[in-house]
Amino acid sequence: ATPSWYGGPEHYDTVFVNMDNTHDGMEGMNVAWVLCFFLLPCTNGLSYLCALIHWFDYIADMPNELTGMWMVKPSFLDNRTCHLAVVHIDTIIRAAHLIPIFGQECVPLSISFNNLLDVYHRFYVNHFVDHHAFELSFSCHYLV
């Protein structure tokens, strides 16, 4: 997460966040958009590495039947403000690769990596990006 990527526009990654160690795959994780990393100093002399994140909500409670991919959308509170949280960076498992659910309209020429998450509102969680993402995204009972 940086407000300027190599002197260019901002760059904010999406990640898998561990929510529940007792569940496998996506049932134990959420997807989030990292807005910034920071060090939280405490009075006991310790400091905690944290991330400010914008949560994503699952669109369904199982992967899409056609693509086999989970679908997510940015999460908002009742008053339409972003659903933000501060998490310890130890809960971040790895980067998550999201693919916009494009629909029927043409993709605007102005789309780039730095505005994609603002322009589109529904995404596939791409588990095909690599073997680890595939393993991480699925618990065994979805692979029957």
C-alpha atoms as a PDB file:
ATOM      1  CA  ALA A   1       0.000   0.000   0.000  1.00  0.00           C
ATOM      2  CA  THR A   2       1.598   3.211  -1.156  1.00  0.00           C
ATOM      3  CA  PRO A   3       0.281   6.630  -2.212  1.00  0.00           C
ATOM      4  CA  SER A   4       2.848   6.707  -5.048  1.00  0.00           C
ATOM      5  CA  TRP A   5       4.206   3.576  -6.753  1.00  0.00           C
ATOM      6  CA  TYR A   6       7.679   4.366  -8.171  1.00  0.00           C
ATOM      7  CA  GLY A   7       6.755   8.011  -8.656  1.00  0.00           C
ATOM      8  CA  GLY A   8       3.479   7.110 -10.362  1.00  0.00           C
ATOM      9  CA  PRO A   9      -0.074   6.643  -9.105  1.00  0.00           C
ATOM     10  CA  GLU A  10      -1.037   4.961  -5.853  1.00  0.00           C
ATOM     11  CA  HIS A  11      -1.045   1.186  -5.466  1.00  0.00           C
ATOM     12  CA  TYR A  12      -3.119  -0.708  -2.892  1.00  0.00           C
ATOM     13  CA  ASP A  13      -3.135  -4.512  -2.828  1.00  0.00           C
ATOM     14  CA  THR A  14      -5.867  -6.921  -1.840  1.00  0.00           C
ATOM     15  CA  VAL A  15      -5.083  -9.685   0.641  1.00  0.00           C
ATOM     16  CA  PHE A  16      -6.449 -12.775   2.362  1.00  0.00           C
ATOM     17  CA  VAL A  17      -6.974 -12.172   6.099  1.00  0.00           C
ATOM     18  CA  ASN A  18      -7.154 -15.103   8.515  1.00  0.00           C
ATOM     19  CA  MET A  19     -10.414 -14.913  10.457  1.00  0.00           C
ATOM     20  CA  ASP A  20     -10.836 -18.423  11.864  1.00  0.00           C
ATOM     21  CA  ASN A  21      -8.167 -21.125  12.180  1.00  0.00           C
ATOM     22  CA  THR A  22     -10.818 -23.811  12.680  1.00  0.00           C
ATOM     23  CA  HIS A  23     -12.133 -23.516   9.099  1.00  0.00           C
ATOM     24  CA  ASP A  24     -10.315 -24.361   5.879  1.00  0.00           C
ATOM     25  CA  GLY A  25     -10.071 -22.270   2.746  1.00  0.00           C
ATOM     26  CA  MET A  26     -12.275 -19.253   2.189  1.00  0.00           C
ATOM     27  CA  GLU A  27     -14.507 -20.254   5.100  1.00  0.00           C
ATOM     28  CA  GLY A  28     -11.710 -19.202   7.450  1.00  0.00           C
ATOM     29  CA  MET A  29     -10.615 -16.090   5.558  1.00  0.00           C
ATOM     30  CA  ASN A  30     -11.896 -12.769   4.330  1.00  0.00           C
ATOM     31  CA  VAL A  31     -10.619 -10.638   1.483  1.00  0.00           C
ATOM     32  CA  ALA A  32      -9.536  -7.068   2.234  1.00  0.00           C
ATOM     33  CA  TRP A  33      -8.040  -4.074   0.475  1.00  0.00           C
ATOM     34  CA  VAL A  34      -4.925  -2.751   2.268  1.00  0.00           C
ATOM     35  CA  LEU A  35      -5.022   1.037   2.539  1.00  0.00           C
ATOM     36  CA  CYS A  36      -1.890   1.541   4.655  1.00  0.00           C
ATOM     37  CA  PHE A  37       0.579  -0.152   6.960  1.00  0.00           C
ATOM     38  CA  PHE A  38       1.614   1.475  10.226  1.00  0.00           C
ATOM     39  CA  LEU A  39       3.364   0.856  13.528  1.00  0.00           C
ATOM     40  CA  LEU A  40       1.137   1.113  16.602  1.00  0.00           C
ATOM     41  CA  PRO A  41       3.254   2.009  19.656  1.00  0.00           C
ATOM     42  CA  CYS A  42       1.960   0.904  23.058  1.00  0.00           C
ATOM     43  CA  THR A  43       2.741   2.137  26.562  1.00  0.00           C
ATOM     44  CA  ASN A  44       4.407  -1.154  27.537  1.00  0.00           C
ATOM     45  CA  GLY A  45       7.289  -0.460  25.140  1.00  0.00           C
ATOM     46  CA  LEU A  46       6.021  -2.858  22.497  1.00  0.00           C
ATOM     47  CA  SER A  47       4.909  -1.848  19.034  1.00  0.00           C
ATOM     48  CA  TYR A  48       2.516  -3.674  16.738  1.00  0.00           C
ATOM     49  CA  LEU A  49       2.718  -3.745  12.948  1.00  0.00           C
ATOM     50  CA  CYS A  50      -0.799  -3.130  11.676  1.00  0.00           C
ATOM     51  CA  ALA A  51      -2.721  -2.539   8.470  1.00  0.00           C
ATOM     52  CA  LEU A  52      -5.765  -0.384   7.828  1.00  0.00           C
ATOM     53  CA  ILE A  53      -8.032  -2.430   5.571  1.00  0.00           C
ATOM     54  CA  HIS A  54     -11.323  -2.115   3.713  1.00  0.00           C
ATOM     55  CA  TRP A  55     -13.240  -5.396   4.013  1.00  0.00           C
ATOM     56  CA  PHE A  56     -14.883  -7.239   1.137  1.00  0.00           C
ATOM     57  CA  ASP A  57     -18.099  -9.248   1.576  1.00  0.00           C
ATOM     58  CA  TYR A  58     -18.749 -12.588  -0.083  1.00  0.00           C
ATOM     59  CA  ILE A  59     -21.520 -12.366  -2.670  1.00  0.00           C
ATOM     60  CA  ALA A  60     -22.523 -15.997  -2.061  1.00  0.00           C
ATOM     61  CA  ASP A  61     -21.584 -18.632   0.498  1.00  0.00           C
ATOM     62  CA  MET A  62     -20.014 -20.886  -2.119  1.00  0.00           C
ATOM     63  CA  PRO A  63     -17.985 -20.433  -5.308  1.00  0.00           C
ATOM     64  CA  ASN A  64     -19.662 -19.395  -8.546  1.00  0.00           C
ATOM     65  CA  GLU A  65     -21.012 -22.486 -10.302  1.00  0.00           C
ATOM     66  CA  LEU A  66     -19.776 -21.474 -13.765  1.00  0.00           C
ATOM     67  CA  THR A  67     -16.249 -20.248 -12.928  1.00  0.00           C
ATOM     68  CA  GLY A  68     -15.550 -22.113  -9.691  1.00  0.00           C
ATOM     69  CA  MET A  69     -14.333 -18.821  -8.213  1.00  0.00           C
ATOM     70  CA  TRP A  70     -15.550 -17.059  -5.094  1.00  0.00           C
ATOM     71  CA  MET A  71     -17.114 -13.647  -5.684  1.00  0.00           C
ATOM     72  CA  VAL A  72     -16.662 -10.609  -3.438  1.00  0.00           C
ATOM     73  CA  LYS A  73     -17.716  -6.977  -3.266  1.00  0.00           C
ATOM     74  CA  PRO A  74     -16.442  -4.060  -1.155  1.00  0.00           C
ATOM     75  CA  SER A  75     -18.167  -3.927   2.224  1.00  0.00           C
ATOM     76  CA  PHE A  76     -20.027  -0.824   3.379  1.00  0.00           C
ATOM     77  CA  LEU A  77     -21.752   0.027   6.647  1.00  0.00           C
ATOM     78  CA  ASP A  78     -25.429   1.013   6.825  1.00  0.00           C
ATOM     79  CA  ASN A  79     -24.572   4.701   6.369  1.00  0.00           C
ATOM     80  CA  ARG A  80     -22.662   3.846   3.151  1.00  0.00           C
ATOM     81  CA  THR A  81     -19.221   4.427   4.640  1.00  0.00           C
ATOM     82  CA  CYS A  82     -16.443   1.947   3.950  1.00  0.00           C
ATOM     83  CA  HIS A  83     -16.273  -0.986   6.361  1.00  0.00           C
ATOM     84  CA  LEU A  84     -12.734  -0.431   7.654  1.00  0.00           C
ATOM     85  CA  ALA A  85     -10.704  -2.244  10.292  1.00  0.00           C
ATOM     86  CA  VAL A  86      -7.238  -2.284  11.782  1.00  0.00           C
ATOM     87  CA  VAL A  87      -5.636  -5.742  11.799  1.00  0.00           C
ATOM     88  CA  HIS A  88      -2.277  -7.053  12.964  1.00  0.00           C
ATOM     89  CA  ILE A  89      -0.158  -7.918   9.933  1.00  0.00           C
ATOM     90  CA  ASP A  90       0.281 -11.471  11.244  1.00  0.00           C
ATOM     91  CA  THR A  91      -3.352 -12.090  10.227  1.00  0.00           C
ATOM     92  CA  ILE A  92      -2.550 -11.278   6.577  1.00  0.00           C
ATOM     93  CA  ILE A  93      -1.871 -14.569   4.818  1.00  0.00           C
ATOM     94  CA  ARG A  94      -0.867 -13.416   1.335  1.00  0.00           C
ATOM     95  CA  ALA A  95      -1.928 -11.264  -1.599  1.00  0.00           C
ATOM     96  CA  ALA A  96      -5.320 -11.952  -3.172  1.00  0.00           C
ATOM     97  CA  HIS A  97      -5.763 -11.558  -6.930  1.00  0.00           C
ATOM     98  CA  LEU A  98      -9.172 -10.127  -7.866  1.00  0.00           C
ATOM     99  CA  ILE A  99     -10.693 -10.068 -11.355  1.00  0.00           C
ATOM    100  CA  PRO A 100     -13.541  -7.625 -12.016  1.00  0.00           C
ATOM    101  CA  ILE A 101     -16.897  -9.107 -12.931  1.00  0.00           C
ATOM    102  CA  PHE A 102     -17.145  -7.064 -16.113  1.00  0.00           C
ATOM    103  CA  GLY A 103     -20.715  -7.573 -17.266  1.00  0.00           C
ATOM    104  CA  GLN A 104     -21.839  -6.667 -20.801  1.00  0.00           C
ATOM    105  CA  GLU A 105     -20.492  -3.113 -21.089  1.00  0.00           C
ATOM    106  CA  CYS A 106     -17.191  -2.201 -22.751  1.00  0.00           C
ATOM    107  CA  VAL A 107     -14.174  -1.811 -20.500  1.00  0.00           C
ATOM    108  CA  PRO A 108     -13.289   1.902 -20.299  1.00  0.00           C
ATOM    109  CA  LEU A 109      -9.858   2.838 -21.673  1.00  0.00           C
ATOM    110  CA  SER A 110      -9.222   4.770 -18.447  1.00  0.00           C
ATOM    111  CA  ILE A 111      -9.077   1.543 -16.384  1.00  0.00           C
ATOM    112  CA  SER A 112      -5.704   0.777 -14.835  1.00  0.00           C
ATOM    113  CA  PHE A 113      -4.310  -1.133 -11.858  1.00  0.00           C
ATOM    114  CA  ASN A 114      -4.636   1.911  -9.615  1.00  0.00           C
ATOM    115  CA  ASN A 115      -8.352   2.638 -10.197  1.00  0.00           C
ATOM    116  CA  LEU A 116      -9.777  -0.825 -10.917  1.00  0.00           C
ATOM    117  CA  LEU A 117     -11.022  -1.410  -7.358  1.00  0.00           C
ATOM    118  CA  ASP A 118     -12.785   1.973  -7.390  1.00  0.00           C
ATOM    119  CA  VAL A 119     -14.452   1.503 -10.787  1.00  0.00           C
ATOM    120  CA  TYR A 120     -15.759  -2.053 -10.423  1.00  0.00           C
ATOM    121  CA  HIS A 121     -17.902  -3.236  -7.525  1.00  0.00           C
ATOM    122  CA  ARG A 122     -17.894  -7.031  -7.862  1.00  0.00           C
ATOM    123  CA  PHE A 123     -14.900  -9.312  -8.273  1.00  0.00           C
ATOM    124  CA  TYR A 124     -13.895 -12.923  -8.726  1.00  0.00           C
ATOM    125  CA  VAL A 125     -11.224 -14.186  -6.318  1.00  0.00           C
ATOM    126  CA  ASN A 126      -8.753 -15.642  -8.815  1.00  0.00           C
ATOM    127  CA  HIS A 127      -7.498 -18.967  -7.494  1.00  0.00           C
ATOM    128  CA  PHE A 128      -5.984 -19.796 -10.898  1.00  0.00           C
ATOM    129  CA  VAL A 129      -3.209 -17.213 -10.464  1.00  0.00           C
ATOM    130  CA  ASP A 130      -0.941 -19.861  -8.878  1.00  0.00           C
ATOM    131  CA  HIS A 131      -0.985 -23.210  -7.091  1.00  0.00           C
ATOM    132  CA  HIS A 132      -0.782 -21.699  -3.601  1.00  0.00           C
ATOM    133  CA  ALA A 133      -3.783 -19.442  -4.237  1.00  0.00           C
ATOM    134  CA  PHE A 134      -5.772 -22.440  -5.467  1.00  0.00           C
ATOM    135  CA  GLU A 135      -4.847 -24.525  -2.406  1.00  0.00           C
ATOM    136  CA  LEU A 136      -5.542 -21.640  -0.061  1.00  0.00           C
ATOM    137  CA  SER A 137      -8.925 -20.741  -1.551  1.00  0.00           C
ATOM    138  CA  PHE A 138     -10.578 -24.115  -1.270  1.00  0.00           C
ATOM    139  CA  SER A 139     -11.431 -26.537   1.440  1.00  0.00           C
ATOM    140  CA  CYS A 140     -11.696 -30.155   0.310  1.00  0.00           C
ATOM    141  CA  HIS A 141     -15.495 -30.431   0.222  1.00  0.00           C
ATOM    142  CA  TYR A 142     -15.728 -27.936  -2.681  1.00  0.00           C
ATOM    143  CA  LEU A 143     -13.481 -30.074  -4.874  1.00  0.00           C
ATOM    144  CA  VAL A 144     -15.774 -33.102  -5.182  1.00  0.00           C
END
